[in-house]
N, C-alpha and C. Protein backbone atom coordinates (compact mmCIF):
# COMPACT_ATOMS: atom_id res chain seq x y z
N ILE A 1 -16.50 -6.62 29.70
CA ILE A 1 -17.02 -7.96 29.42
C ILE A 1 -17.00 -8.18 27.91
N HIS A 2 -16.59 -9.37 27.52
CA HIS A 2 -16.52 -9.70 26.10
C HIS A 2 -17.92 -9.67 25.49
N PRO A 3 -18.07 -9.13 24.26
CA PRO A 3 -19.40 -8.98 23.66
C PRO A 3 -20.16 -10.29 23.44
N LEU A 4 -19.45 -11.41 23.33
CA LEU A 4 -20.13 -12.69 23.12
C LEU A 4 -20.45 -13.41 24.43
N TYR A 5 -19.96 -12.90 25.56
CA TYR A 5 -20.17 -13.54 26.85
C TYR A 5 -21.65 -13.47 27.23
N GLY A 6 -22.18 -14.58 27.70
CA GLY A 6 -23.56 -14.62 28.18
C GLY A 6 -24.59 -14.93 27.11
N GLN A 7 -24.17 -15.09 25.87
CA GLN A 7 -25.13 -15.45 24.83
C GLN A 7 -25.50 -16.91 24.98
N ASP A 8 -26.68 -17.27 24.53
CA ASP A 8 -27.15 -18.64 24.66
C ASP A 8 -26.45 -19.59 23.69
N LYS A 9 -25.98 -19.10 22.57
CA LYS A 9 -25.36 -19.99 21.58
C LYS A 9 -23.94 -20.34 22.00
N GLU A 10 -23.50 -21.50 21.55
CA GLU A 10 -22.12 -21.91 21.81
C GLU A 10 -21.19 -21.07 20.92
N VAL A 11 -20.12 -20.59 21.49
CA VAL A 11 -19.19 -19.72 20.79
C VAL A 11 -17.92 -20.48 20.48
N THR A 12 -17.44 -20.39 19.25
CA THR A 12 -16.19 -21.05 18.89
C THR A 12 -15.01 -20.21 19.39
N CYS A 13 -13.85 -20.83 19.47
CA CYS A 13 -12.63 -20.11 19.89
C CYS A 13 -12.39 -18.90 19.00
N LYS A 14 -12.46 -19.11 17.70
CA LYS A 14 -12.18 -18.03 16.75
C LYS A 14 -13.17 -16.88 16.92
N GLU A 15 -14.45 -17.18 17.11
CA GLU A 15 -15.45 -16.12 17.33
C GLU A 15 -15.15 -15.34 18.60
N PHE A 16 -14.74 -16.04 19.65
CA PHE A 16 -14.48 -15.40 20.93
C PHE A 16 -13.25 -14.51 20.88
N VAL A 17 -12.22 -14.94 20.17
CA VAL A 17 -10.94 -14.25 20.18
C VAL A 17 -10.82 -13.17 19.10
N THR A 18 -11.53 -13.29 18.00
CA THR A 18 -11.31 -12.42 16.83
C THR A 18 -11.42 -10.94 17.14
N ASN A 19 -12.32 -10.50 17.96
CA ASN A 19 -12.44 -9.08 18.30
C ASN A 19 -12.67 -8.95 19.80
N GLY A 20 -11.70 -8.39 20.49
CA GLY A 20 -11.86 -8.22 21.92
C GLY A 20 -10.61 -7.65 22.58
N VAL A 21 -10.77 -7.22 23.81
CA VAL A 21 -9.67 -6.74 24.63
C VAL A 21 -9.55 -7.70 25.80
N PHE A 22 -8.34 -8.20 26.03
CA PHE A 22 -8.11 -9.21 27.04
C PHE A 22 -7.02 -8.76 28.00
N LYS A 23 -7.05 -9.28 29.22
CA LYS A 23 -6.01 -9.02 30.22
C LYS A 23 -5.57 -10.36 30.77
N TYR A 24 -4.34 -10.40 31.26
CA TYR A 24 -3.83 -11.61 31.88
C TYR A 24 -4.46 -11.81 33.25
N LYS A 25 -4.79 -13.03 33.57
CA LYS A 25 -5.32 -13.34 34.89
C LYS A 25 -4.19 -13.30 35.92
N ASP A 26 -2.99 -13.67 35.51
CA ASP A 26 -1.82 -13.66 36.38
C ASP A 26 -1.39 -12.21 36.61
N SER A 27 -1.41 -11.76 37.85
CA SER A 27 -1.15 -10.36 38.18
C SER A 27 0.28 -9.90 37.88
N LYS A 28 1.22 -10.81 37.66
CA LYS A 28 2.58 -10.39 37.34
C LYS A 28 2.69 -9.85 35.91
N PHE A 29 1.70 -10.13 35.08
CA PHE A 29 1.65 -9.57 33.73
C PHE A 29 0.68 -8.40 33.74
N LYS A 30 1.18 -7.20 33.57
CA LYS A 30 0.36 -5.99 33.68
C LYS A 30 -0.13 -5.48 32.32
N GLY A 31 0.02 -6.26 31.29
CA GLY A 31 -0.34 -5.81 29.95
C GLY A 31 -1.78 -6.08 29.57
N SER A 32 -2.13 -5.59 28.40
CA SER A 32 -3.44 -5.87 27.82
C SER A 32 -3.24 -6.32 26.38
N ILE A 33 -4.20 -7.08 25.89
CA ILE A 33 -4.14 -7.62 24.53
C ILE A 33 -5.39 -7.17 23.80
N ASN A 34 -5.20 -6.52 22.66
CA ASN A 34 -6.31 -6.07 21.83
C ASN A 34 -6.23 -6.86 20.53
N ILE A 35 -7.27 -7.63 20.24
CA ILE A 35 -7.31 -8.42 19.00
C ILE A 35 -8.45 -7.90 18.15
N SER A 36 -8.12 -7.54 16.92
CA SER A 36 -9.10 -7.06 15.97
C SER A 36 -8.85 -7.74 14.64
N ASN A 37 -9.74 -8.66 14.28
CA ASN A 37 -9.63 -9.44 13.06
C ASN A 37 -8.29 -10.16 13.00
N ASP A 38 -7.36 -9.73 12.15
CA ASP A 38 -6.09 -10.45 12.02
C ASP A 38 -4.91 -9.69 12.65
N LYS A 39 -5.19 -8.78 13.57
CA LYS A 39 -4.14 -8.02 14.24
C LYS A 39 -4.21 -8.24 15.75
N HIS A 40 -3.05 -8.48 16.35
CA HIS A 40 -2.91 -8.75 17.78
C HIS A 40 -1.94 -7.70 18.33
N ILE A 41 -2.40 -6.85 19.26
CA ILE A 41 -1.55 -5.82 19.85
C ILE A 41 -1.49 -6.06 21.35
N GLU A 42 -0.28 -6.33 21.84
CA GLU A 42 -0.07 -6.60 23.25
C GLU A 42 0.77 -5.47 23.83
N CYS A 43 0.23 -4.73 24.81
CA CYS A 43 0.91 -3.56 25.36
C CYS A 43 1.22 -3.72 26.84
N PHE A 44 2.39 -3.23 27.20
CA PHE A 44 2.86 -3.21 28.58
C PHE A 44 3.32 -1.79 28.89
N ASP A 45 3.78 -1.55 30.11
CA ASP A 45 4.26 -0.22 30.49
C ASP A 45 5.41 0.28 29.62
N ASN A 46 6.23 -0.64 29.13
CA ASN A 46 7.42 -0.24 28.39
C ASN A 46 7.32 -0.41 26.86
N GLY A 47 6.11 -0.54 26.33
CA GLY A 47 5.94 -0.63 24.88
C GLY A 47 4.91 -1.66 24.46
N CYS A 48 4.81 -1.86 23.15
CA CYS A 48 3.81 -2.77 22.57
C CYS A 48 4.44 -3.69 21.54
N ILE A 49 3.82 -4.84 21.36
CA ILE A 49 4.17 -5.78 20.29
C ILE A 49 2.93 -5.90 19.40
N THR A 50 3.10 -5.64 18.12
CA THR A 50 2.01 -5.80 17.16
C THR A 50 2.32 -7.02 16.30
N SER A 51 1.35 -7.92 16.20
CA SER A 51 1.53 -9.15 15.42
C SER A 51 0.37 -9.34 14.46
N LYS A 52 0.65 -10.05 13.40
CA LYS A 52 -0.38 -10.45 12.44
C LYS A 52 -0.81 -11.87 12.81
N ILE A 53 -2.11 -12.12 12.74
CA ILE A 53 -2.67 -13.43 13.08
C ILE A 53 -3.05 -14.18 11.81
N LYS A 54 -2.68 -15.46 11.78
CA LYS A 54 -3.12 -16.36 10.71
C LYS A 54 -3.75 -17.57 11.40
N TRP A 55 -5.05 -17.75 11.21
CA TRP A 55 -5.74 -18.86 11.84
C TRP A 55 -5.36 -20.17 11.18
N LEU A 56 -5.01 -21.17 11.99
CA LEU A 56 -4.64 -22.50 11.50
C LEU A 56 -5.79 -23.49 11.65
N SER A 57 -6.62 -23.26 12.67
CA SER A 57 -7.82 -24.05 12.92
C SER A 57 -8.73 -23.19 13.80
N ASP A 58 -9.86 -23.72 14.22
CA ASP A 58 -10.77 -22.92 15.03
C ASP A 58 -10.14 -22.48 16.35
N CYS A 59 -9.28 -23.29 16.93
CA CYS A 59 -8.69 -22.96 18.23
C CYS A 59 -7.17 -22.83 18.19
N SER A 60 -6.61 -22.55 17.04
CA SER A 60 -5.16 -22.42 16.92
C SER A 60 -4.83 -21.35 15.89
N TYR A 61 -3.88 -20.46 16.25
CA TYR A 61 -3.44 -19.46 15.29
C TYR A 61 -1.95 -19.18 15.43
N GLU A 62 -1.39 -18.67 14.34
CA GLU A 62 0.02 -18.30 14.29
C GLU A 62 0.11 -16.79 14.39
N MET A 63 1.00 -16.31 15.25
CA MET A 63 1.25 -14.87 15.38
C MET A 63 2.65 -14.58 14.86
N THR A 64 2.76 -13.56 14.02
CA THR A 64 4.05 -13.12 13.51
C THR A 64 4.23 -11.65 13.86
N ILE A 65 5.31 -11.34 14.57
CA ILE A 65 5.56 -9.96 15.00
C ILE A 65 5.86 -9.08 13.79
N ILE A 66 5.13 -7.96 13.70
CA ILE A 66 5.40 -6.99 12.63
C ILE A 66 5.98 -5.69 13.19
N LYS A 67 5.83 -5.47 14.51
CA LYS A 67 6.40 -4.27 15.14
C LYS A 67 6.58 -4.54 16.63
N ASN A 68 7.72 -4.11 17.17
CA ASN A 68 7.99 -4.30 18.59
C ASN A 68 8.64 -3.03 19.15
N THR A 69 7.92 -2.34 20.03
CA THR A 69 8.45 -1.11 20.63
C THR A 69 8.81 -1.31 22.11
N ILE A 70 8.82 -2.57 22.57
CA ILE A 70 9.17 -2.84 23.97
C ILE A 70 10.67 -2.62 24.17
N VAL A 71 11.00 -1.80 25.15
CA VAL A 71 12.38 -1.47 25.46
C VAL A 71 13.14 -2.73 25.88
N ASN A 72 14.31 -2.94 25.29
CA ASN A 72 15.20 -4.07 25.61
C ASN A 72 14.57 -5.44 25.34
N SER A 73 13.65 -5.52 24.41
CA SER A 73 13.03 -6.80 24.06
C SER A 73 13.97 -7.61 23.18
N SER A 74 13.94 -8.92 23.38
CA SER A 74 14.76 -9.81 22.57
C SER A 74 13.97 -10.42 21.41
N LEU A 75 12.72 -9.99 21.21
CA LEU A 75 11.89 -10.54 20.14
C LEU A 75 11.99 -9.67 18.89
N PRO A 76 12.66 -10.17 17.85
CA PRO A 76 12.78 -9.38 16.62
C PRO A 76 11.53 -9.50 15.74
N LYS A 77 11.42 -8.59 14.77
CA LYS A 77 10.36 -8.69 13.77
C LYS A 77 10.41 -10.06 13.13
N LYS A 78 9.28 -10.53 12.71
CA LYS A 78 9.08 -11.81 12.05
C LYS A 78 9.20 -13.01 12.99
N SER A 79 9.39 -12.77 14.31
CA SER A 79 9.32 -13.89 15.26
C SER A 79 7.91 -14.45 15.23
N MET A 80 7.79 -15.77 15.35
CA MET A 80 6.48 -16.40 15.28
C MET A 80 6.21 -17.25 16.52
N ALA A 81 4.93 -17.37 16.83
CA ALA A 81 4.48 -18.26 17.90
C ALA A 81 3.16 -18.87 17.46
N ILE A 82 2.95 -20.11 17.84
CA ILE A 82 1.67 -20.78 17.61
C ILE A 82 0.90 -20.74 18.93
N ILE A 83 -0.32 -20.22 18.90
CA ILE A 83 -1.17 -20.14 20.08
C ILE A 83 -2.25 -21.20 19.96
N GLN A 84 -2.38 -22.03 20.98
CA GLN A 84 -3.41 -23.06 21.03
C GLN A 84 -4.36 -22.72 22.16
N ILE A 85 -5.62 -22.46 21.86
CA ILE A 85 -6.62 -22.14 22.87
C ILE A 85 -7.16 -23.46 23.43
N ASN A 86 -7.00 -23.64 24.73
CA ASN A 86 -7.46 -24.88 25.37
C ASN A 86 -8.94 -24.87 25.65
N SER A 87 -9.44 -23.74 26.17
CA SER A 87 -10.86 -23.68 26.51
C SER A 87 -11.30 -22.24 26.71
N ILE A 88 -12.59 -22.03 26.54
CA ILE A 88 -13.23 -20.76 26.87
C ILE A 88 -13.97 -21.01 28.17
N GLU A 89 -13.68 -20.18 29.17
CA GLU A 89 -14.28 -20.38 30.49
C GLU A 89 -14.93 -19.08 30.93
N GLY A 90 -16.24 -19.02 30.86
CA GLY A 90 -16.97 -17.81 31.24
C GLY A 90 -16.58 -16.67 30.32
N ASN A 91 -15.99 -15.65 30.87
CA ASN A 91 -15.61 -14.46 30.10
C ASN A 91 -14.12 -14.47 29.76
N GLY A 92 -13.46 -15.63 29.83
CA GLY A 92 -12.03 -15.70 29.55
C GLY A 92 -11.68 -16.95 28.81
N LEU A 93 -10.40 -17.14 28.56
CA LEU A 93 -9.95 -18.33 27.87
C LEU A 93 -8.63 -18.78 28.45
N ARG A 94 -8.30 -20.04 28.22
CA ARG A 94 -7.00 -20.59 28.60
C ARG A 94 -6.28 -20.98 27.31
N TYR A 95 -4.99 -20.69 27.27
CA TYR A 95 -4.22 -20.97 26.07
C TYR A 95 -2.78 -21.31 26.44
N TYR A 96 -2.03 -21.83 25.47
CA TYR A 96 -0.60 -21.98 25.62
C TYR A 96 0.06 -21.70 24.29
N PHE A 97 1.36 -21.41 24.35
CA PHE A 97 2.13 -21.18 23.11
C PHE A 97 3.50 -21.78 23.24
């Protein structure tokens, strides 16, 4: 359970996401995501992608890949994605990129 879940205060997207371990709700994705401050590490059975996070707003951040060990991945170093968090729902969040 996320450390901020269940607190009485309203939690911002950035507070919720900055430090935590997350899993995909969709069962076809078997990976986990570990976010610690400005580092995002997403691991699957065949390797991990490590990215640097730059916050653009409270609910939006840019990820830039700094290391990719996933076998046969087409994502090179320095690939970027913008993540937009739509909502925090209970102990999880919804986002798109």
